Amino acid sequence: MGAHLRERFQRPGPKRILSLDGGGSRGLLSLGFLQQLEDQLGQRSGDPDRFRLAHYFDLIGGTSTGAIIATTLALEWKVRDVVELYFKLLPAIFERPQVPGPLRVLIPAFKNTALTKALQEYLGDRTLRSEDLKTGLAIHAKRIDSGSAWILVNNPDWCYFESKDKIGVANGDFYLRDLVQGSAAAPTYFNDVRVPLAHNKRGDVSGYAHFFDGGVSPNNNPGLQLLLTVTEPAFGFNWPAGEQNLLLWSVGTGYVRKRFEKRNRKRRSSAKPIADFRRLMYSSKVMAALEGYNHDISQQQVTTLQMLANPRFPWFVNSEVRMQINTQLLTREPALTYQRYDARLEVDEDEFRRPEHIESLLGKAMKPGEVDKLRKLDIKDPELLDVLYRVGEALGAAQLMSRATTDEANPALGPAISADWPPTSFDPANWQQTAMPPPLPQG
């Protein structure tokens, strides 16, 4: 077992990758976007009722909440079924904190119980080599006892897929439920997750790997790592680079930048008053710095990937490099076809607002306090969860700023997802010709 996807991985032709960020409850924003993508690709497949994203993407990789979504999609779930799971599961996971915020450096805010039970129910005893996985899967986690970022893939040609000896547990035999929970074990929110790593001669567990959320590595946005994974021989994919060979679709969980600045009564902003920052304890300032880590790394990775490609809708990085429309490529020719999608969970004035700002997407002005509630990772209120999902839906249906823009005050716009975006050159060869196989029963 475990070799059932080898033919797909080695098949000549273009390859398609879906990258899913971490972000806790904000994974519903990703799911709203993915529902739009599934609908569009389903129509193009010729068999929308049976279509699953696993039929299109050859590798789906995620971190934390993105790992949960990636695993269910690789198991051939429809997006709407994952959405139903999230609306059921998130209020249970975040129902009651164990301790108030200041004590979370001593005791995790939430028990692992609800997520453990759900993963046992829906993933069961499936392992990374399970034949129920109908496409490539990559789960990103941080192994804290060895200080290493782990990328676990279901490629039988990965150098660590099988055990090197009779003592160690083959990575292909790790339970999906353990890997997903380890990837989602955000520090201060949940306890770390122990995964059996070795057995003694009697067959008893003799060693464990301890995992935290992959978001405490550089892979909360796993897009760049997924590109490295499919081109690095050690992982066994060896997919050729090139604009016509690799498609990487990267989906965020809501752009959040925590800022403190002097109050400007003439401008609406999500920034906190600088006076609040001055009053913070030293430990809180340290936490504020660490909270910005994922944002900084993600921005750097998006910047790098856009310098390897010519995305149709370049992500506005910052006021310095802006959309990188005139930035030269790092390679002579584009190394891949890349597109980043995310919604800016920020309040701002009309003149500073872009199409992917939440107020643009929902078509209404919002108070900073309303948006601030949507920036949290542990949202359990069904109404707020519904807003996140609708923001993702609106992002998928939005008119975004195209790289053809020469004047951002008068932008060239285009549909975020359309009949030709993702490019039709990446459509599977059998689309419109043969029906898709029946979906896998869940549970």
Protein backbone atom coordinates (compact mmCIF):
# COMPACT_ATOMS: atom_id res chain seq x y z
CA MET A 1 0.00 0.00 0.00
CA GLY A 2 0.99 3.63 -0.47
CA ALA A 3 2.04 3.34 -4.11
CA HIS A 4 -1.44 3.93 -5.57
CA LEU A 5 -0.62 7.55 -6.47
CA ARG A 6 2.79 6.91 -8.02
CA GLU A 7 1.42 6.83 -11.56
CA ARG A 8 -0.33 10.18 -11.04
CA PHE A 9 2.79 11.79 -9.59
CA GLN A 10 4.98 10.50 -12.42
CA ARG A 11 2.51 11.08 -15.26
CA PRO A 12 3.87 13.51 -17.90
CA GLY A 13 2.15 16.84 -18.23
CA PRO A 14 1.45 19.92 -16.09
CA LYS A 15 0.96 19.58 -12.35
CA ARG A 16 -1.39 21.53 -10.08
CA ILE A 17 -0.75 22.44 -6.41
CA LEU A 18 -3.13 23.92 -3.83
CA SER A 19 -1.57 25.66 -0.82
CA LEU A 20 -3.68 26.41 2.28
CA ASP A 21 -2.57 28.73 5.10
CA GLY A 22 -3.02 28.25 8.82
CA GLY A 23 -5.35 30.54 10.74
CA GLY A 24 -7.67 28.68 13.11
CA SER A 25 -11.34 29.55 12.71
CA ARG A 26 -10.45 31.79 9.78
CA GLY A 27 -10.12 28.63 7.73
CA LEU A 28 -13.78 29.30 6.89
CA LEU A 29 -12.62 32.25 4.81
CA SER A 30 -10.45 29.84 2.78
CA LEU A 31 -13.41 27.49 2.42
CA GLY A 32 -15.64 30.27 1.09
CA PHE A 33 -13.09 30.92 -1.64
CA LEU A 34 -12.60 27.20 -2.33
CA GLN A 35 -16.35 26.75 -2.80
CA GLN A 36 -16.20 29.30 -5.63
CA LEU A 37 -13.18 27.54 -7.11
CA GLU A 38 -14.86 24.12 -6.88
CA ASP A 39 -17.98 25.46 -8.61
CA GLN A 40 -15.98 26.96 -11.48
CA LEU A 41 -13.73 23.95 -12.01
CA GLY A 42 -16.71 21.61 -11.67
CA GLN A 43 -18.38 23.30 -14.61
CA ARG A 44 -15.19 23.04 -16.64
CA SER A 45 -14.86 19.34 -15.79
CA GLY A 46 -18.12 18.51 -17.53
CA ASP A 47 -19.40 16.62 -14.48
CA PRO A 48 -19.97 19.20 -11.71
CA ASP A 49 -22.01 16.89 -9.46
CA ARG A 50 -19.16 14.41 -9.09
CA PHE A 51 -16.28 16.83 -9.28
CA ARG A 52 -13.94 17.20 -6.29
CA LEU A 53 -10.88 19.44 -5.94
CA ALA A 54 -8.86 16.23 -5.46
CA HIS A 55 -9.59 15.44 -9.12
CA TYR A 56 -7.90 18.67 -10.24
CA PHE A 57 -5.02 19.29 -7.84
CA ASP A 58 -2.16 16.77 -7.85
CA LEU A 59 -0.94 17.96 -4.44
CA ILE A 60 -2.88 19.71 -1.68
CA GLY A 61 -0.78 21.02 1.20
CA GLY A 62 -1.72 22.89 4.34
CA THR A 63 -0.72 24.04 7.79
CA SER A 64 -2.88 23.96 10.93
CA THR A 65 -6.47 24.67 9.83
CA GLY A 66 -5.10 24.38 6.30
CA ALA A 67 -3.92 20.84 7.12
CA ILE A 68 -7.45 19.90 8.22
CA ILE A 69 -8.91 21.25 4.99
CA ALA A 70 -6.15 19.73 2.84
CA THR A 71 -6.62 16.28 4.35
CA THR A 72 -10.40 16.23 3.94
CA LEU A 73 -10.12 17.48 0.35
CA ALA A 74 -7.48 14.84 -0.43
CA LEU A 75 -9.95 12.27 0.94
CA GLU A 76 -12.32 13.45 -1.79
CA TRP A 77 -14.69 15.51 0.35
CA LYS A 78 -16.68 18.25 -1.31
CA VAL A 79 -16.01 21.73 0.01
CA ARG A 80 -19.55 22.12 1.35
CA ASP A 81 -19.04 19.03 3.53
CA VAL A 82 -15.90 20.55 5.05
CA VAL A 83 -17.83 23.77 5.64
CA GLU A 84 -20.54 21.87 7.52
CA LEU A 85 -17.87 20.19 9.64
CA TYR A 86 -16.31 23.56 10.52
CA PHE A 87 -19.60 25.13 11.60
CA LYS A 88 -20.21 22.09 13.80
CA LEU A 89 -16.68 21.66 15.13
CA LEU A 90 -15.38 25.18 15.84
CA PRO A 91 -17.95 26.06 18.55
CA ALA A 92 -17.13 22.76 20.27
CA ILE A 93 -13.34 23.25 20.10
CA PHE A 94 -13.42 26.84 21.37
CA GLU A 95 -16.43 26.50 23.67
CA ARG A 96 -14.78 27.33 26.98
CA PRO A 97 -11.21 28.53 27.62
CA GLN A 98 -9.39 26.81 30.48
CA VAL A 99 -7.61 29.97 31.57
CA PRO A 100 -7.70 33.73 30.84
CA GLY A 101 -5.30 35.20 28.31
CA PRO A 102 -2.39 36.18 30.60
CA LEU A 103 -2.05 32.61 31.92
CA ARG A 104 -1.78 31.01 28.48
CA VAL A 105 2.00 31.00 28.71
CA LEU A 106 1.57 28.49 31.56
CA ILE A 107 -1.52 26.51 30.54
CA PRO A 108 -2.95 26.16 27.01
CA ALA A 109 -6.20 28.03 26.49
CA PHE A 110 -8.20 25.02 25.27
CA LYS A 111 -8.27 21.29 25.80
CA ASN A 112 -7.41 19.00 22.87
CA THR A 113 -10.46 16.82 23.57
CA ALA A 114 -13.01 18.10 21.01
CA LEU A 115 -10.57 18.12 18.09
CA THR A 116 -9.16 14.71 19.07
CA LYS A 117 -12.66 13.22 19.09
CA ALA A 118 -13.59 14.75 15.73
CA LEU A 119 -10.39 13.63 14.01
CA GLN A 120 -10.87 10.11 15.37
CA GLU A 121 -14.43 10.10 14.02
CA TYR A 122 -13.70 11.47 10.55
CA LEU A 123 -10.17 10.19 9.88
CA GLY A 124 -10.24 6.99 11.92
CA ASP A 125 -7.18 4.78 11.57
CA ARG A 126 -6.22 6.02 8.11
CA THR A 127 -2.50 6.53 7.71
CA LEU A 128 -0.42 8.69 5.41
CA ARG A 129 -0.22 5.75 3.00
CA SER A 130 -4.02 5.24 2.94
CA GLU A 131 -5.52 4.51 -0.46
CA ASP A 132 -8.47 6.66 0.56
CA LEU A 133 -6.23 9.66 -0.20
CA LYS A 134 -7.03 10.29 -3.85
CA THR A 135 -4.38 12.89 -4.49
CA GLY A 136 -1.10 14.15 -3.05
CA LEU A 137 -1.17 15.47 0.52
CA ALA A 138 1.41 17.56 2.39
CA ILE A 139 1.02 18.32 6.10
CA HIS A 140 3.28 20.89 7.76
CA ALA A 141 4.13 20.74 11.46
CA LYS A 142 6.87 21.81 13.87
CA ARG A 143 8.68 19.04 15.74
CA ILE A 144 9.67 20.84 18.92
CA ASP A 145 11.84 18.14 20.52
CA SER A 146 14.22 18.19 17.55
CA GLY A 147 13.72 21.83 16.57
CA SER A 148 12.83 20.95 12.99
CA ALA A 149 10.04 21.84 10.57
CA TRP A 150 8.45 18.65 9.19
CA ILE A 151 6.77 18.32 5.82
CA LEU A 152 4.99 14.96 5.60
CA VAL A 153 3.86 13.80 2.16
CA ASN A 154 2.08 10.68 0.90
CA ASN A 155 4.55 10.11 -1.92
CA PRO A 156 5.89 6.53 -1.71
CA ASP A 157 9.15 7.73 -3.29
CA TRP A 158 9.82 10.22 -0.47
CA CYS A 159 13.09 9.21 1.18
CA TYR A 160 11.43 8.94 4.64
CA PHE A 161 8.17 7.33 3.58
CA GLU A 162 9.42 3.90 4.66
CA SER A 163 11.39 3.10 7.81
CA LYS A 164 15.16 2.82 7.54
CA ASP A 165 15.18 0.06 10.16
CA LYS A 166 12.84 -2.23 12.06
CA ILE A 167 12.71 0.04 15.11
CA GLY A 168 11.46 3.33 13.68
CA VAL A 169 7.85 3.85 12.62
CA ALA A 170 7.62 4.44 8.88
CA ASN A 171 6.33 7.94 8.16
CA GLY A 172 3.84 6.36 5.82
CA ASP A 173 2.35 4.59 8.85
CA PHE A 174 1.71 7.77 10.85
CA TYR A 175 -1.99 8.23 11.54
CA LEU A 176 -3.52 11.15 9.66
CA ARG A 177 -5.42 12.14 12.80
CA ASP A 178 -2.14 12.56 14.72
CA LEU A 179 -0.41 14.53 11.97
CA VAL A 180 -3.36 16.86 11.45
CA GLN A 181 -3.75 17.48 15.18
CA GLY A 182 -0.02 18.10 15.54
CA SER A 183 -0.12 20.59 12.67
CA ALA A 184 -3.07 22.38 14.35
CA ALA A 185 -1.63 22.45 17.91
CA ALA A 186 -1.08 26.20 18.10
CA PRO A 187 1.12 27.23 21.08
CA THR A 188 -0.84 28.89 23.93
CA TYR A 189 -4.04 27.46 22.42
CA PHE A 190 -3.42 23.68 22.64
CA ASN A 191 -1.01 21.16 24.12
CA ASP A 192 1.64 19.66 21.88
CA VAL A 193 0.81 16.32 20.25
CA ARG A 194 2.89 13.15 20.79
CA VAL A 195 3.29 10.85 17.80
CA PRO A 196 4.86 7.38 18.27
CA LEU A 197 8.22 7.36 16.51
CA ALA A 198 9.95 4.12 17.51
CA HIS A 199 9.32 0.69 19.03
CA ASN A 200 11.49 -1.56 21.15
CA LYS A 201 12.08 -5.26 20.47
CA ARG A 202 8.84 -6.16 22.26
CA GLY A 203 6.90 -3.84 19.96
CA ASP A 204 6.14 -1.25 22.64
CA VAL A 205 6.46 2.45 21.86
CA SER A 206 9.93 3.57 22.90
CA GLY A 207 10.08 7.08 21.48
CA TYR A 208 7.84 9.96 20.47
CA ALA A 209 7.97 13.02 18.26
CA HIS A 210 6.38 16.10 19.82
CA PHE A 211 4.57 18.36 17.38
CA PHE A 212 3.29 21.91 17.53
CA ASP A 213 1.47 23.92 14.91
CA GLY A 214 3.37 24.26 11.64
CA GLY A 215 2.70 27.99 11.97
CA VAL A 216 5.66 28.31 14.35
CA SER A 217 7.89 27.36 11.43
CA PRO A 218 8.23 29.40 8.22
CA ASN A 219 5.37 27.34 6.75
CA ASN A 220 2.17 28.90 8.09
CA ASN A 221 1.84 29.97 4.47
CA PRO A 222 3.20 26.76 2.93
CA GLY A 223 3.31 27.97 -0.69
CA LEU A 224 7.07 28.37 -1.10
CA GLN A 225 7.77 25.12 0.77
CA LEU A 226 5.36 23.25 -1.53
CA LEU A 227 7.27 24.56 -4.55
CA LEU A 228 10.52 23.36 -2.95
CA THR A 229 8.90 20.02 -2.06
CA VAL A 230 7.84 19.14 -5.61
CA THR A 231 11.19 20.14 -7.13
CA GLU A 232 13.54 18.72 -4.45
CA PRO A 233 14.44 15.09 -5.36
CA ALA A 234 14.33 13.92 -1.71
CA PHE A 235 10.52 14.16 -1.70
CA GLY A 236 10.19 12.00 -4.80
CA PHE A 237 8.03 14.25 -7.01
CA ASN A 238 10.69 15.75 -9.30
CA TRP A 239 8.15 17.87 -11.16
CA PRO A 240 9.75 20.15 -13.75
CA ALA A 241 9.53 23.88 -13.17
CA GLY A 242 8.15 26.25 -15.77
CA GLU A 243 5.15 28.47 -16.38
CA GLN A 244 3.43 25.73 -18.38
CA ASN A 245 4.48 22.91 -16.04
CA LEU A 246 3.56 24.02 -12.49
CA LEU A 247 0.45 25.75 -11.18
CA LEU A 248 0.49 26.91 -7.53
CA TRP A 249 -2.76 28.34 -6.11
CA SER A 250 -2.17 29.84 -2.65
CA VAL A 251 -5.16 30.65 -0.41
CA GLY A 252 -4.92 32.66 2.82
CA THR A 253 -7.13 32.86 5.90
CA GLY A 254 -7.32 36.64 6.12
CA TYR A 255 -4.52 39.19 5.98
CA VAL A 256 -3.90 40.56 9.49
CA ARG A 257 -1.24 43.10 10.39
CA LYS A 258 -1.23 44.28 14.01
CA ARG A 259 -0.37 47.98 14.03
CA PHE A 260 -0.16 50.71 16.65
CA GLU A 261 -0.10 54.35 15.58
CA LYS A 262 -1.10 57.82 16.69
CA ARG A 263 -4.85 58.29 16.43
CA ASN A 264 -5.84 60.13 13.25
CA ARG A 265 -9.40 61.44 13.53
CA LYS A 266 -9.48 62.09 9.78
CA ARG A 267 -8.82 58.47 8.80
CA ARG A 268 -10.60 55.24 9.66
CA SER A 269 -8.08 52.51 10.44
CA SER A 270 -7.69 49.10 12.07
CA ALA A 271 -4.56 50.29 13.85
CA LYS A 272 -4.57 50.34 17.65
CA PRO A 273 -3.76 53.62 19.47
CA ILE A 274 -0.04 54.00 20.10
CA ALA A 275 -0.89 54.91 23.71
CA ASP A 276 -2.16 51.35 24.16
CA PHE A 277 1.22 50.02 23.07
CA ARG A 278 3.12 52.22 25.51
CA ARG A 279 1.05 50.84 28.37
CA LEU A 280 1.73 47.20 27.48
CA MET A 281 3.83 45.05 29.77
CA TYR A 282 7.15 43.89 28.35
CA SER A 283 5.81 40.34 27.91
CA SER A 284 2.87 41.69 25.90
CA LYS A 285 5.23 43.63 23.64
CA VAL A 286 7.20 40.43 23.07
CA MET A 287 3.96 38.62 22.18
CA ALA A 288 3.04 41.44 19.78
CA ALA A 289 6.38 40.98 18.03
CA LEU A 290 5.95 37.20 17.82
CA GLU A 291 2.38 37.56 16.51
CA GLY A 292 3.79 39.46 13.56
CA TYR A 293 6.17 36.60 12.69
CA ASN A 294 3.72 34.70 10.47
CA HIS A 295 2.72 37.89 8.68
CA ASP A 296 6.34 38.83 7.97
CA ILE A 297 7.28 35.38 6.69
CA SER A 298 4.16 35.12 4.53
CA GLN A 299 4.80 38.51 2.95
CA GLN A 300 8.37 37.54 2.19
CA GLN A 301 7.28 34.26 0.62
CA VAL A 302 4.58 35.90 -1.48
CA THR A 303 7.14 38.47 -2.64
CA THR A 304 9.57 35.72 -3.63
CA LEU A 305 6.98 33.62 -5.46
CA GLN A 306 5.75 36.67 -7.38
CA MET A 307 9.35 37.25 -8.47
CA LEU A 308 9.35 33.71 -9.85
CA ALA A 309 6.09 34.12 -11.74
CA ASN A 310 3.81 36.62 -13.42
CA PRO A 311 0.54 36.29 -11.47
CA ARG A 312 -2.52 37.73 -13.17
CA PHE A 313 -3.47 39.51 -9.93
CA PRO A 314 -0.25 40.45 -8.08
CA TRP A 315 -0.66 40.73 -4.32
CA PHE A 316 -0.04 44.26 -3.00
CA VAL A 317 2.88 43.57 -0.67
CA ASN A 318 3.40 46.97 0.97
CA SER A 319 3.72 50.68 0.18
CA GLU A 320 7.33 50.12 -0.90
CA VAL A 321 7.23 47.42 -3.58
CA ARG A 322 3.45 47.66 -4.05
CA MET A 323 2.16 45.06 -6.61
CA GLN A 324 5.61 44.22 -8.03
CA ILE A 325 4.30 44.84 -11.54
CA ASN A 326 7.66 46.23 -12.68
CA THR A 327 9.84 43.95 -10.52
CA GLN A 328 12.17 41.79 -12.59
CA LEU A 329 11.93 38.01 -12.35
CA LEU A 330 14.55 36.09 -10.38
CA THR A 331 14.75 33.61 -13.26
CA ARG A 332 15.09 34.16 -16.99
CA GLU A 333 11.61 32.72 -17.56
CA PRO A 334 8.75 32.25 -15.07
CA ALA A 335 9.38 29.18 -12.91
CA LEU A 336 5.67 28.52 -12.39
CA THR A 337 2.16 29.89 -12.74
CA TYR A 338 1.34 31.34 -9.32
CA GLN A 339 -1.61 33.13 -7.78
CA ARG A 340 -2.12 34.34 -4.21
CA TYR A 341 -5.62 34.93 -2.85
CA ASP A 342 -6.40 36.49 0.51
CA ALA A 343 -8.78 39.02 2.06
CA ARG A 344 -7.52 42.04 3.96
CA LEU A 345 -9.21 42.10 7.35
CA GLU A 346 -8.66 45.82 7.74
CA VAL A 347 -10.80 48.95 7.93
CA ASP A 348 -9.64 51.90 5.84
CA GLU A 349 -10.79 54.94 3.91
CA ASP A 350 -12.07 54.52 0.33
CA GLU A 351 -8.94 56.00 -1.23
CA PHE A 352 -6.71 53.40 0.46
CA ARG A 353 -9.05 50.44 0.06
CA ARG A 354 -8.29 47.70 -2.45
CA PRO A 355 -10.72 45.16 -3.99
CA GLU A 356 -9.59 42.48 -1.52
CA HIS A 357 -10.34 44.60 1.57
CA ILE A 358 -13.22 43.21 3.62
CA GLU A 359 -15.30 46.36 3.21
CA SER A 360 -14.90 46.17 -0.58
CA LEU A 361 -15.80 42.47 -0.61
CA LEU A 362 -18.91 42.83 1.55
CA GLY A 363 -19.91 46.16 0.01
CA LYS A 364 -20.38 48.03 3.27
CA ALA A 365 -18.49 50.12 5.79
CA MET A 366 -17.53 48.35 9.00
CA LYS A 367 -16.40 49.47 12.42
CA PRO A 368 -12.85 48.58 13.49
CA GLY A 369 -14.26 46.63 16.44
CA GLU A 370 -16.37 44.46 14.11
CA VAL A 371 -13.38 43.56 11.97
CA ASP A 372 -11.19 43.01 15.03
CA LYS A 373 -13.48 40.17 16.11
CA LEU A 374 -12.91 38.47 12.74
CA ARG A 375 -9.12 38.58 13.12
CA LYS A 376 -9.07 36.12 16.03
CA LEU A 377 -8.09 32.45 15.67
CA ASP A 378 -10.59 31.04 18.18
CA ILE A 379 -13.90 32.35 16.85
CA LYS A 380 -16.91 30.26 17.90
CA ASP A 381 -19.85 32.64 17.29
CA PRO A 382 -21.87 31.19 14.33
CA GLU A 383 -22.67 34.69 13.04
CA LEU A 384 -19.00 35.67 12.90
CA LEU A 385 -18.12 32.34 11.30
CA ASP A 386 -20.76 32.98 8.66
CA VAL A 387 -19.25 36.41 7.94
CA LEU A 388 -15.83 34.82 7.42
CA TYR A 389 -17.30 32.31 4.99
CA ARG A 390 -19.13 35.05 3.07
CA VAL A 391 -15.91 37.09 2.85
CA GLY A 392 -14.21 34.08 1.24
CA GLU A 393 -17.12 33.61 -1.18
CA ALA A 394 -16.96 37.30 -2.10
CA LEU A 395 -13.21 37.03 -2.68
CA GLY A 396 -13.76 34.19 -5.14
CA ALA A 397 -16.37 36.25 -6.99
CA ALA A 398 -14.47 39.57 -6.80
CA GLN A 399 -13.04 41.74 -9.53
CA LEU A 400 -9.37 42.01 -8.54
CA MET A 401 -6.68 44.39 -9.69
CA SER A 402 -4.86 42.96 -12.72
CA ARG A 403 -1.14 43.22 -13.46
CA ALA A 404 -2.21 45.17 -16.57
CA THR A 405 -2.81 48.11 -14.21
CA THR A 406 -0.56 51.08 -14.87
CA ASP A 407 -2.37 53.56 -12.65
CA GLU A 408 -3.69 52.14 -9.38
CA ALA A 409 -6.15 55.03 -9.13
CA ASN A 410 -7.72 53.70 -12.34
CA PRO A 411 -7.05 49.97 -12.13
CA ALA A 412 -7.59 47.27 -14.71
CA LEU A 413 -9.83 44.66 -13.10
CA GLY A 414 -10.65 41.04 -13.80
CA PRO A 415 -12.60 38.16 -12.20
CA ALA A 416 -10.65 36.36 -9.45
CA ILE A 417 -11.84 33.00 -10.82
CA SER A 418 -13.05 32.65 -14.39
CA ALA A 419 -13.43 30.29 -17.31
CA ASP A 420 -9.74 30.81 -18.14
CA TRP A 421 -8.28 31.38 -14.66
CA PRO A 422 -6.86 28.98 -13.49
CA PRO A 423 -5.47 28.67 -17.03
CA THR A 424 -7.26 26.11 -19.19
CA SER A 425 -3.85 24.77 -20.25
CA PHE A 426 -3.75 23.06 -16.83
CA ASP A 427 -7.13 21.33 -17.24
CA PRO A 428 -6.87 17.52 -17.04
CA ALA A 429 -6.80 15.90 -20.47
CA ASN A 430 -9.94 13.82 -19.89
CA TRP A 431 -12.23 16.71 -18.92
CA GLN A 432 -15.48 16.92 -20.87
CA GLN A 433 -14.81 13.37 -22.08
CA THR A 434 -15.21 10.95 -19.18
CA ALA A 435 -17.19 11.07 -15.96
CA MET A 436 -15.44 11.34 -12.62
CA PRO A 437 -15.33 8.28 -10.32
CA PRO A 438 -17.94 8.13 -7.56
CA PRO A 439 -16.94 9.96 -4.35
CA LEU A 440 -15.50 8.18 -1.34
CA PRO A 441 -17.99 7.67 1.54
CA GLN A 442 -17.07 9.79 4.56
CA GLY A 443 -16.53 8.67 8.15
